[in-house]
Protein backbone atom coordinates (compact mmCIF):
# COMPACT_ATOMS: atom_id res chain seq x y z
CA MET A 1 77.11 107.91 117.27
CA ALA A 2 80.11 106.38 115.46
CA THR A 3 82.84 108.73 114.37
CA HIS A 4 83.55 108.65 110.68
CA TYR A 5 87.18 108.84 109.67
CA VAL A 6 87.84 109.26 105.94
CA PRO A 7 91.39 108.72 104.63
CA GLU A 8 93.01 111.46 102.60
CA ASN A 9 93.28 111.27 98.80
CA LEU A 10 90.58 108.66 98.37
CA PRO A 11 89.89 107.90 94.72
CA ASP A 12 86.32 108.72 93.70
CA HIS A 13 86.37 106.31 90.76
CA LEU A 14 87.95 102.84 90.49
CA ARG A 15 88.88 101.55 87.06
CA HIS A 16 89.92 98.24 85.55
CA TYR A 17 93.60 97.61 84.85
CA ILE A 18 94.08 95.82 81.52
CA ASP A 19 97.32 95.34 79.58
CA GLY A 20 99.18 97.96 81.63
CA ALA A 21 96.54 100.71 81.51
CA PHE A 22 93.67 101.87 83.71
CA VAL A 23 90.45 101.76 81.70
CA ASP A 24 86.69 102.09 82.20
CA SER A 25 84.19 99.47 81.11
CA VAL A 26 83.55 99.35 77.38
CA SER A 27 79.87 100.00 78.11
CA GLY A 28 80.63 102.76 80.61
CA ALA A 29 78.74 100.79 83.30
CA THR A 30 79.57 101.56 86.94
CA PHE A 31 78.42 100.59 90.42
CA ALA A 32 78.52 102.43 93.74
CA VAL A 33 80.94 101.47 96.53
CA LEU A 34 79.85 102.14 100.14
CA ASP A 35 81.89 102.47 103.29
CA PRO A 36 80.50 100.40 106.18
CA VAL A 37 80.44 103.16 108.81
CA SER A 38 78.30 105.71 106.95
CA ASN A 39 76.81 103.25 104.42
CA GLN A 40 77.11 106.10 101.92
CA PRO A 41 78.73 105.76 98.48
CA TYR A 42 82.26 107.16 98.46
CA ALA A 43 83.23 106.07 94.94
CA THR A 44 82.02 104.51 91.74
CA ALA A 45 83.74 101.50 90.23
CA ALA A 46 83.81 100.35 86.64
CA ALA A 47 81.38 97.43 86.34
CA GLY A 48 83.06 94.76 84.25
CA GLN A 49 80.98 92.90 81.67
CA LYS A 50 81.83 90.05 79.31
CA GLU A 51 83.54 92.37 76.81
CA ASP A 52 85.84 93.76 79.54
CA VAL A 53 86.77 90.26 80.71
CA ASP A 54 87.44 89.35 77.05
CA LEU A 55 89.91 92.24 76.75
CA ALA A 56 91.65 91.29 80.01
CA VAL A 57 91.93 87.61 79.03
CA ALA A 58 93.25 88.56 75.58
CA ALA A 59 95.95 90.72 77.21
CA ALA A 60 96.85 87.94 79.68
CA THR A 61 96.96 85.40 76.83
CA ARG A 62 99.34 87.57 74.79
CA ALA A 63 101.56 88.09 77.81
CA PHE A 64 101.64 84.34 78.39
CA THR A 65 102.13 83.30 74.79
CA ASP A 66 104.53 85.98 73.58
CA GLY A 67 105.85 87.73 76.68
CA PRO A 68 108.92 87.07 78.85
CA TRP A 69 107.17 86.27 82.15
CA PRO A 70 106.62 82.49 81.77
CA ARG A 71 110.11 82.11 80.31
CA MET A 72 112.06 83.87 83.03
CA LYS A 73 114.40 81.85 85.19
CA PRO A 74 113.00 81.27 88.69
CA ARG A 75 115.53 83.65 90.23
CA GLN A 76 114.45 86.47 87.88
CA ARG A 77 110.80 86.07 88.85
CA ALA A 78 111.77 85.72 92.52
CA ARG A 79 113.55 89.09 92.42
CA VAL A 80 110.38 90.71 91.11
CA LEU A 81 108.29 89.03 93.82
CA ASP A 82 110.69 90.28 96.49
CA GLN A 83 110.37 93.83 95.13
CA ILE A 84 106.59 93.46 95.32
CA ALA A 85 106.91 92.43 98.98
CA ASP A 86 109.13 95.44 99.68
CA ALA A 87 106.57 97.76 98.07
CA ILE A 88 103.72 96.30 100.14
CA GLU A 89 105.68 96.78 103.36
CA ALA A 90 106.66 100.32 102.36
CA GLN A 91 103.02 101.36 102.20
CA ASP A 92 101.47 99.07 104.80
CA ALA A 93 100.10 102.01 106.81
CA ARG A 94 98.30 103.45 103.76
CA LEU A 95 97.12 100.02 102.69
CA ALA A 96 95.71 99.26 106.14
CA GLU A 97 94.01 102.66 106.26
CA LEU A 98 92.25 101.99 102.93
CA GLU A 99 91.38 98.42 103.90
CA THR A 100 89.87 99.54 107.21
CA PHE A 101 87.83 102.26 105.53
CA ASP A 102 86.51 99.89 102.84
CA THR A 103 85.85 96.76 104.92
CA GLY A 104 85.22 97.97 108.49
CA LEU A 105 88.06 95.84 109.88
CA PRO A 106 89.75 97.28 112.98
CA ILE A 107 92.90 99.16 112.00
CA THR A 108 95.20 97.08 114.22
CA GLN A 109 94.03 93.91 112.45
CA ALA A 110 94.22 95.52 109.00
CA LEU A 111 97.91 96.34 109.58
CA GLY A 112 98.55 92.64 110.09
CA GLN A 113 97.01 91.86 106.71
CA ALA A 114 99.59 93.99 104.89
CA GLN A 115 102.43 92.14 106.60
CA ARG A 116 100.90 88.78 105.68
CA ALA A 117 100.44 89.87 102.06
CA ALA A 118 104.14 90.80 101.82
CA GLU A 119 105.14 87.50 103.40
CA ASN A 120 103.13 85.56 100.81
CA PHE A 121 105.26 87.06 98.02
CA ARG A 122 108.51 86.44 99.91
CA PHE A 123 107.52 82.86 100.61
CA PHE A 124 106.79 81.98 96.97
CA ALA A 125 109.88 83.86 95.80
CA ASP A 126 111.95 81.54 98.00
CA LEU A 127 109.95 78.48 97.01
CA ILE A 128 110.40 78.73 93.25
CA VAL A 129 114.17 79.21 93.59
CA ALA A 130 114.55 76.27 95.98
CA GLN A 131 112.10 73.99 94.19
CA THR A 132 113.29 70.66 92.83
CA ASP A 133 111.36 68.45 90.44
CA ASP A 134 111.21 64.69 90.56
CA ALA A 135 113.54 62.38 88.68
CA TYR A 136 113.32 58.57 88.75
CA SER A 137 116.06 56.27 87.61
CA VAL A 138 115.93 52.59 86.68
CA PRO A 139 119.71 51.98 86.54
CA GLY A 140 120.91 51.00 83.08
CA ALA A 141 117.39 50.95 81.70
CA GLN A 142 115.46 54.18 82.07
CA LEU A 143 115.58 57.74 83.36
CA ASN A 144 112.34 59.61 83.97
CA TYR A 145 112.04 63.26 84.97
CA VAL A 146 109.33 65.88 85.40
CA ASN A 147 109.02 69.18 83.53
CA ARG A 148 106.98 71.77 85.37
CA LYS A 149 105.28 74.32 83.12
CA PRO A 150 102.86 77.19 83.93
CA VAL A 151 99.31 76.36 82.86
CA GLY A 152 98.35 79.72 81.32
CA VAL A 153 95.87 82.43 82.25
CA ALA A 154 94.57 82.04 85.81
CA GLY A 155 91.22 83.55 86.83
CA LEU A 156 91.35 84.70 90.45
CA ILE A 157 88.07 85.52 92.22
CA THR A 158 88.48 86.85 95.74
CA PRO A 159 86.18 87.67 98.70
CA TRP A 160 85.48 90.87 100.60
CA ASN A 161 86.92 89.89 103.98
CA THR A 162 90.64 90.81 104.24
CA PRO A 163 90.60 91.40 100.46
CA PHE A 164 94.19 92.54 99.85
CA MET A 165 95.74 89.71 101.85
CA LEU A 166 93.53 87.06 100.23
CA GLU A 167 94.34 88.46 96.78
CA SER A 168 98.04 88.08 97.63
CA TRP A 169 97.44 84.43 98.54
CA LYS A 170 96.44 83.74 94.94
CA LEU A 171 98.54 86.31 93.07
CA ALA A 172 101.86 85.26 94.63
CA PRO A 173 101.84 81.55 93.64
CA ALA A 174 100.16 82.21 90.28
CA LEU A 175 102.80 84.77 89.28
CA ALA A 176 105.64 82.75 90.85
CA SER A 177 104.64 79.79 88.69
CA GLY A 178 104.84 81.87 85.50
CA CYS A 179 101.10 82.19 84.91
CA THR A 180 99.45 85.42 83.87
CA VAL A 181 96.30 86.47 85.73
CA VAL A 182 92.95 88.19 85.62
CA LEU A 183 91.83 89.23 89.12
CA LYS A 184 88.15 89.84 89.87
CA PRO A 185 88.03 91.33 93.38
CA ALA A 186 84.88 91.37 95.50
CA GLU A 187 82.49 94.11 94.44
CA LEU A 188 81.84 95.15 98.05
CA THR A 189 85.51 95.97 98.76
CA PRO A 190 87.37 96.91 95.55
CA LEU A 191 89.40 99.80 96.96
CA SER A 192 92.72 98.17 97.85
CA ALA A 193 92.87 95.95 94.74
CA GLY A 194 93.73 98.99 92.64
CA LEU A 195 97.03 99.32 94.54
CA TRP A 196 98.36 96.15 92.90
CA ALA A 197 98.68 97.81 89.50
CA GLN A 198 101.27 100.36 90.59
CA ILE A 199 103.04 97.89 92.89
CA PHE A 200 103.46 95.39 90.05
CA ARG A 201 104.42 98.01 87.48
CA ASP A 202 107.12 99.48 89.74
CA ALA A 203 108.49 95.99 90.50
CA GLY A 204 108.93 95.23 86.80
CA VAL A 205 105.96 92.93 86.08
CA PRO A 206 105.44 93.15 82.28
CA ASP A 207 102.17 94.61 80.95
CA GLY A 208 99.42 92.04 80.52
CA VAL A 209 100.77 89.67 83.20
CA PHE A 210 98.43 91.20 85.80
CA ASN A 211 94.95 92.37 84.83
CA LEU A 212 92.17 93.58 87.12
CA VAL A 213 88.46 93.64 86.25
CA ASN A 214 86.07 95.08 88.84
CA GLY A 215 82.44 94.07 88.77
CA LEU A 216 79.66 91.93 90.11
CA GLY A 217 80.11 88.21 90.54
CA GLU A 218 77.16 87.36 88.32
CA GLU A 219 78.57 89.53 85.52
CA ALA A 220 82.37 89.85 85.57
CA GLY A 221 82.97 86.73 87.68
CA ASP A 222 80.61 84.66 85.58
CA ALA A 223 82.30 85.78 82.34
CA LEU A 224 85.72 84.87 83.74
CA VAL A 225 84.58 81.39 84.82
CA LYS A 226 83.01 80.72 81.40
CA HIS A 227 85.88 82.10 79.30
CA PRO A 228 87.33 79.33 77.10
CA ASP A 229 90.87 80.77 77.32
CA VAL A 230 91.04 80.67 81.14
CA PRO A 231 92.08 77.12 82.09
CA LEU A 232 92.29 77.76 85.86
CA ILE A 233 89.92 79.32 88.39
CA SER A 234 90.92 79.93 92.00
CA PHE A 235 87.94 81.06 94.08
CA THR A 236 87.41 81.94 97.73
CA GLY A 237 83.85 82.60 98.85
CA GLU A 238 80.51 81.07 99.72
CA SER A 239 79.79 77.38 99.18
CA SER A 240 76.68 78.13 97.07
CA THR A 241 78.76 80.30 94.71
CA GLY A 242 81.35 77.54 94.58
CA GLN A 243 78.70 75.08 93.40
CA LEU A 244 77.70 77.48 90.62
CA ILE A 245 81.33 77.95 89.54
CA PHE A 246 81.84 74.18 89.57
CA ALA A 247 78.88 73.73 87.21
CA ASN A 248 79.90 76.57 84.89
CA ALA A 249 83.53 75.41 84.69
CA ALA A 250 82.57 71.79 83.94
CA PRO A 251 82.02 72.15 80.15
CA PHE A 252 85.60 73.47 79.85
CA LEU A 253 87.15 70.92 82.25
CA LYS A 254 88.90 73.78 84.04
CA GLY A 255 91.25 73.33 86.94
CA LEU A 256 89.49 74.49 90.11
CA SER A 257 90.75 75.44 93.54
CA MET A 258 87.95 76.57 95.83
CA GLU A 259 88.11 77.55 99.47
CA LEU A 260 84.51 77.86 100.60
CA GLY A 261 82.48 78.39 103.76
CA GLY A 262 83.02 77.07 107.25
CA LYS A 263 81.32 76.39 110.55
CA SER A 264 84.40 75.31 112.42
CA PRO A 265 84.22 73.68 115.87
CA ALA A 266 86.41 74.64 118.81
CA VAL A 267 86.36 71.66 121.20
CA VAL A 268 87.34 72.44 124.79
CA PHE A 269 87.96 69.45 127.05
CA ALA A 270 87.93 69.66 130.85
CA ASP A 271 91.70 69.20 131.05
CA ALA A 272 92.43 72.17 128.77
CA ASP A 273 94.36 75.26 129.79
CA LEU A 274 91.15 77.19 130.34
CA ASP A 275 92.70 80.68 130.34
CA ALA A 276 94.39 80.06 127.02
CA ALA A 277 91.28 78.39 125.56
CA ILE A 278 89.08 81.36 126.49
CA ASP A 279 91.55 83.88 125.03
CA SER A 280 91.89 81.89 121.84
CA THR A 281 88.23 81.02 121.27
CA LEU A 282 87.25 84.65 121.81
CA PHE A 283 89.84 85.78 119.28
CA GLY A 284 88.95 82.91 116.94
CA VAL A 285 85.38 84.08 116.38
CA PHE A 286 85.43 87.83 117.11
CA SER A 287 88.64 88.90 115.34
CA LEU A 288 88.15 90.28 111.81
CA ASN A 289 84.59 91.13 112.95
CA GLY A 290 83.76 87.43 112.80
CA GLU A 291 83.94 87.70 109.01
CA ARG A 292 86.42 84.87 108.54
CA CYS A 293 85.99 81.48 106.91
CA THR A 294 88.01 79.69 109.60
CA ALA A 295 86.14 81.26 112.54
CA GLY A 296 85.62 78.86 115.45
CA SER A 297 81.94 79.75 115.50
CA ARG A 298 80.76 76.59 117.31
CA ILE A 299 82.36 76.04 120.71
CA LEU A 300 81.86 72.58 122.19
CA VAL A 301 82.67 72.44 125.92
CA GLU A 302 82.95 69.39 128.19
CA ARG A 303 80.16 69.51 130.77
CA ALA A 304 82.46 69.46 133.83
CA ILE A 305 83.73 72.96 132.94
CA TYR A 306 80.73 74.17 130.94
CA ASP A 307 79.23 76.58 133.48
CA GLU A 308 82.58 78.14 134.35
CA PHE A 309 83.46 78.50 130.67
CA LEU A 310 80.14 80.19 129.88
CA GLU A 311 80.44 82.66 132.73
CA ARG A 312 84.00 83.69 131.90
CA TYR A 313 83.50 83.71 128.13
CA ALA A 314 80.33 85.81 128.23
CA GLU A 315 81.88 88.33 130.63
CA ARG A 316 84.80 88.82 128.25
CA ALA A 317 82.52 89.03 125.20
CA ARG A 318 80.46 91.78 126.86
CA ASN A 319 83.71 93.68 127.41
CA ILE A 320 84.89 93.65 123.77
CA VAL A 321 85.35 97.16 122.37
CA VAL A 322 83.08 97.77 119.37
CA GLY A 323 83.49 101.02 117.51
CA ASP A 324 85.18 103.14 114.87
CA PRO A 325 87.35 100.81 112.76
CA HIS A 326 90.13 103.45 112.63
CA ASP A 327 90.42 103.67 116.44
CA PRO A 328 93.36 101.51 117.64
CA ALA A 329 91.31 100.58 120.74
CA THR A 330 88.58 98.96 118.61
CA GLU A 331 88.44 95.16 118.69
CA VAL A 332 85.30 94.68 116.55
CA GLY A 333 84.49 97.19 113.81
CA ALA A 334 81.64 97.55 111.33
CA LEU A 335 80.38 94.70 109.17
CA VAL A 336 81.11 95.11 105.50
CA HIS A 337 77.72 96.09 104.02
CA PRO A 338 74.11 96.83 105.06
CA GLU A 339 72.84 93.64 103.40
CA HIS A 340 75.37 91.52 105.26
CA PHE A 341 74.51 93.37 108.48
CA GLU A 342 70.84 92.46 107.98
CA LYS A 343 71.75 88.82 107.37
CA VAL A 344 73.82 88.62 110.56
CA MET A 345 71.12 90.41 112.59
CA SER A 346 68.52 87.96 111.30
CA TYR A 347 70.64 85.12 112.72
CA VAL A 348 70.95 87.00 116.01
CA GLU A 349 67.14 87.21 116.24
CA LEU A 350 66.82 83.54 115.25
CA GLY A 351 69.39 82.63 117.89
CA LYS A 352 67.20 84.11 120.61
CA THR A 353 64.72 81.30 119.85
CA GLU A 354 67.41 78.61 119.52
CA GLY A 355 69.76 79.30 122.44
CA ARG A 356 70.26 81.19 125.67
CA LEU A 357 71.58 84.70 125.03
CA LEU A 358 74.56 85.48 127.28
CA ALA A 359 76.07 88.53 125.56
CA GLY A 360 75.26 90.95 122.76
CA GLY A 361 72.11 90.27 120.83
CA GLY A 362 71.83 93.46 118.77
CA ARG A 363 73.34 96.82 117.94
CA PRO A 364 75.77 98.16 120.58
CA THR A 365 74.61 101.11 122.65
CA GLY A 366 75.66 104.45 121.24
CA LEU A 367 76.38 103.19 117.72
CA ASP A 368 73.16 104.14 116.00
CA THR A 369 74.48 104.18 112.43
CA GLY A 370 76.87 101.90 110.59
CA ASN A 371 76.89 98.10 110.42
CA TYR A 372 77.72 97.43 114.07
CA VAL A 373 76.79 94.17 115.82
CA ALA A 374 77.64 93.56 119.47
CA PRO A 375 79.64 90.33 119.98
CA THR A 376 76.87 87.82 120.57
CA VAL A 377 77.08 84.60 122.58
CA PHE A 378 74.41 81.87 122.64
CA ALA A 379 74.62 78.93 125.06
CA ASP A 380 72.82 75.56 125.19
CA VAL A 381 72.52 75.48 121.38
CA ALA A 382 71.12 72.18 120.05
CA PRO A 383 72.96 70.51 117.17
CA ASP A 384 69.97 70.83 114.83
CA ALA A 385 69.65 74.60 115.45
CA ARG A 386 70.25 76.77 112.38
CA ILE A 387 72.76 78.90 114.30
CA PHE A 388 74.71 75.66 114.93
CA GLN A 389 74.45 74.43 111.32
CA GLU A 390 74.68 77.55 109.11
CA GLU A 391 77.56 79.93 108.46
CA ILE A 392 76.70 83.37 109.89
CA PHE A 393 80.00 85.13 109.06
CA GLY A 394 79.73 87.67 111.82
CA PRO A 395 80.50 88.15 115.55
CA VAL A 396 78.08 85.42 116.70
CA VAL A 397 79.01 82.18 118.48
CA ALA A 398 77.04 79.09 119.50
CA ILE A 399 78.19 77.13 122.58
CA THR A 400 77.10 73.54 123.22
CA PRO A 401 78.00 71.07 126.01
CA PHE A 402 79.18 67.48 125.56
CA ASP A 403 79.74 64.54 127.91
CA SER A 404 82.17 62.24 126.08
CA ASP A 405 84.84 62.22 123.38
CA ASP A 406 82.47 60.35 121.04
CA GLU A 407 79.72 62.92 121.54
CA ALA A 408 82.19 65.77 120.98
CA LEU A 409 83.32 64.17 117.71
CA ALA A 410 79.75 63.61 116.54
CA LEU A 411 78.90 67.25 117.28
CA ALA A 412 82.08 68.50 115.60
CA ASN A 413 81.38 66.49 112.44
CA GLY A 414 77.62 67.05 112.42
CA VAL A 415 77.53 69.92 109.89
CA ARG A 416 77.94 70.12 106.11
CA TYR A 417 81.16 72.13 106.40
CA GLY A 418 84.69 70.93 107.12
CA LEU A 419 87.24 73.73 106.91
CA ALA A 420 88.98 74.03 110.29
CA ALA A 421 88.79 72.58 113.79
CA TYR A 422 90.35 73.68 117.07
CA ILE A 423 90.99 71.20 119.89
CA TRP A 424 91.87 72.13 123.45
CA THR A 425 93.24 69.32 125.65
CA ARG A 426 96.44 68.37 127.48
CA ASP A 427 95.90 64.67 126.66
CA LEU A 428 98.31 63.90 123.80
CA GLU A 429 96.63 60.65 122.75
CA ARG A 430 93.18 62.26 122.70
CA ALA A 431 94.48 65.29 120.78
CA HIS A 432 96.00 63.28 117.95
CA THR A 433 93.17 60.76 117.78
CA PHE A 434 90.50 63.47 117.71
CA ALA A 435 92.46 65.47 115.13
CA ARG A 436 92.62 62.47 112.82
CA ASN A 437 88.91 61.70 113.14
CA VAL A 438 87.51 65.22 112.86
CA GLU A 439 86.20 66.04 109.37
CA SER A 440 88.16 69.17 108.56
CA GLY A 441 90.90 70.21 106.18
CA MET A 442 92.92 71.81 108.98
CA VAL A 443 93.21 71.25 112.73
CA TRP A 444 94.85 73.44 115.34
CA LEU A 445 95.72 71.84 118.67
CA ASN A 446 95.72 74.27 121.60
CA SER A 447 95.76 77.42 119.45
CA HIS A 448 93.61 79.44 117.10
CA ASN A 449 94.37 79.85 113.38
CA VAL A 450 98.16 80.25 113.22
CA ARG A 451 99.29 79.64 109.63
CA ASP A 452 102.42 77.95 108.34
CA LEU A 453 102.59 78.84 104.63
CA ARG A 454 104.22 75.50 103.78
CA THR A 455 101.17 73.49 104.82
CA PRO A 456 98.04 72.69 102.79
CA PHE A 457 95.13 75.10 103.20
CA GLY A 458 91.68 73.88 102.23
CA GLY A 459 88.55 72.14 103.39
CA VAL A 460 86.49 68.99 102.98
CA LYS A 461 82.75 68.49 102.40
CA ALA A 462 81.06 71.82 101.57
CA SER A 463 84.17 73.80 102.57
CA GLY A 464 86.14 73.42 99.41
CA LEU A 465 87.80 71.61 96.58
CA GLY A 466 91.56 71.12 96.42
CA HIS A 467 94.31 72.62 98.54
CA GLU A 468 96.59 75.61 98.27
CA GLY A 469 99.63 76.52 100.33
CA GLY A 470 103.29 75.69 99.74
CA TYR A 471 104.04 73.29 96.91
CA ARG A 472 100.34 72.52 96.51
CA SER A 473 99.80 76.05 95.21
CA ILE A 474 102.65 75.60 92.71
CA ASP A 475 101.12 72.24 91.69
CA PHE A 476 97.81 73.96 90.94
CA TYR A 477 99.27 76.65 88.68
CA THR A 478 101.62 74.29 86.79
CA HIS A 479 101.39 71.24 84.53
CA GLN A 480 103.71 68.41 85.49
CA GLN A 481 104.92 66.70 82.35
CA ALA A 482 106.67 63.33 82.65
CA VAL A 483 109.56 62.72 80.25
CA HIS A 484 110.77 59.11 79.82
CA ILE A 485 114.24 58.31 78.40
CA THR A 486 115.27 54.77 77.49
CA LEU A 487 118.88 53.91 78.34
CA GLY A 488 118.93 50.30 77.15
CA PRO A 489 117.16 47.84 74.91
CA VAL A 490 113.39 47.64 75.33
CA HIS A 491 111.50 44.47 74.62
CA THR A 492 108.78 45.22 72.11
CA ALA A 493 106.31 42.68 70.74
CA ARG A 494 106.90 42.71 66.95
CA PHE A 495 103.40 43.11 65.58
CA GLY A 496 103.09 42.17 61.90
CA ALA A 497 106.63 40.80 61.65
CA THR A 498 105.60 37.24 60.83
CA ALA A 499 104.71 36.54 57.16
CA HIS A 500 101.57 34.50 56.52
């Protein structure tokens, strides 16, 4: 049976944070929060409704309209962002402990999330100080320049996998740009979001700039999307939810940035460094418990090396350590919630009819409680199989052979998603040609998902709308106003100047 580690000083009730104060819902409504090892409630959380979102948006609007934050010089805001990064790093052990307890992520991987969250704030602190805006000169005739201005109140809706880090991905550029924010964290994993309030307060973020409303997506999230005073929504989550947000934001013509689902291919050619490809494709689908949007959950392998790849990959998958998320030896922990566990297990059962089971296929031996799924490998999966086509979001991988570059490309592109792709080959011409032709927002050649924060992050097809990362994030949270100055005479047709 799984051990059950509980961190010290856990809060038993999570509240909203609105206009610099922790508050309960106006209605008093709450919901239970479970931990994924015991599946027992460990806390209640305030369940935000429309009236709570209204209060948060009103506070954020006041802070934007009347407060100092949007008017600070970039260096002033950058100093605050750097202090936020320092505070995150100072408590990364505590943060990782809470994140592991709430999400089921292995502790070693949760520690990495804290470091990435701090780096997001440092990166955007540097970016806003170094940023230049465009100016265009027509010598002797015209000078044109661009004013960059924060848009206003940004609604940030974040998912339950690596919640704190993904919140930082939105909070850092939104705040760096001078926006104020209302954050609606995922209802399944609200624990770490409450840490932001004290971090921001200590760093000198004025009241009302950051507001947090806990609650269900269909209540608090829905109210945020439909609020007329929230001109921007940044959302990470499922494609079906993204479609709903798109429809609900349309009457207000809101700015949208949405990073949605994925079913990313990892394409392994016969000339690849096979040792490195096996290491990376294992990590690419089984790290973070397989609960990652960029997971390489479809592995396409050239037939000449297919049998060897399967044998070595399955042996390694069977060896992966599944267990207590707080144990540093654990490589795959517990899935986030019983309902998600049931969904993933239903795909495992389906996969037994759609592919050849090489590893896993159920609950690991000795882990009778908690949301544990053994890393599961299916081979010989046909491209029309549901486990090939649909996002499972768990430690389950489908492996399919191919015979030619054209077939590999057709298989890679043959799903509705297009977030990431991973290509393994030593052939430079093939690598660049395949990368250009694959339908994905991001491509990694001969590696798994290694991020450079300057580059665009986003997907095509059902995997998203717009891009964030680097200047593209700043572009999303700012208006770019063109100012035109005439430096010489301008020919103007003189309407009405001729007497009749």
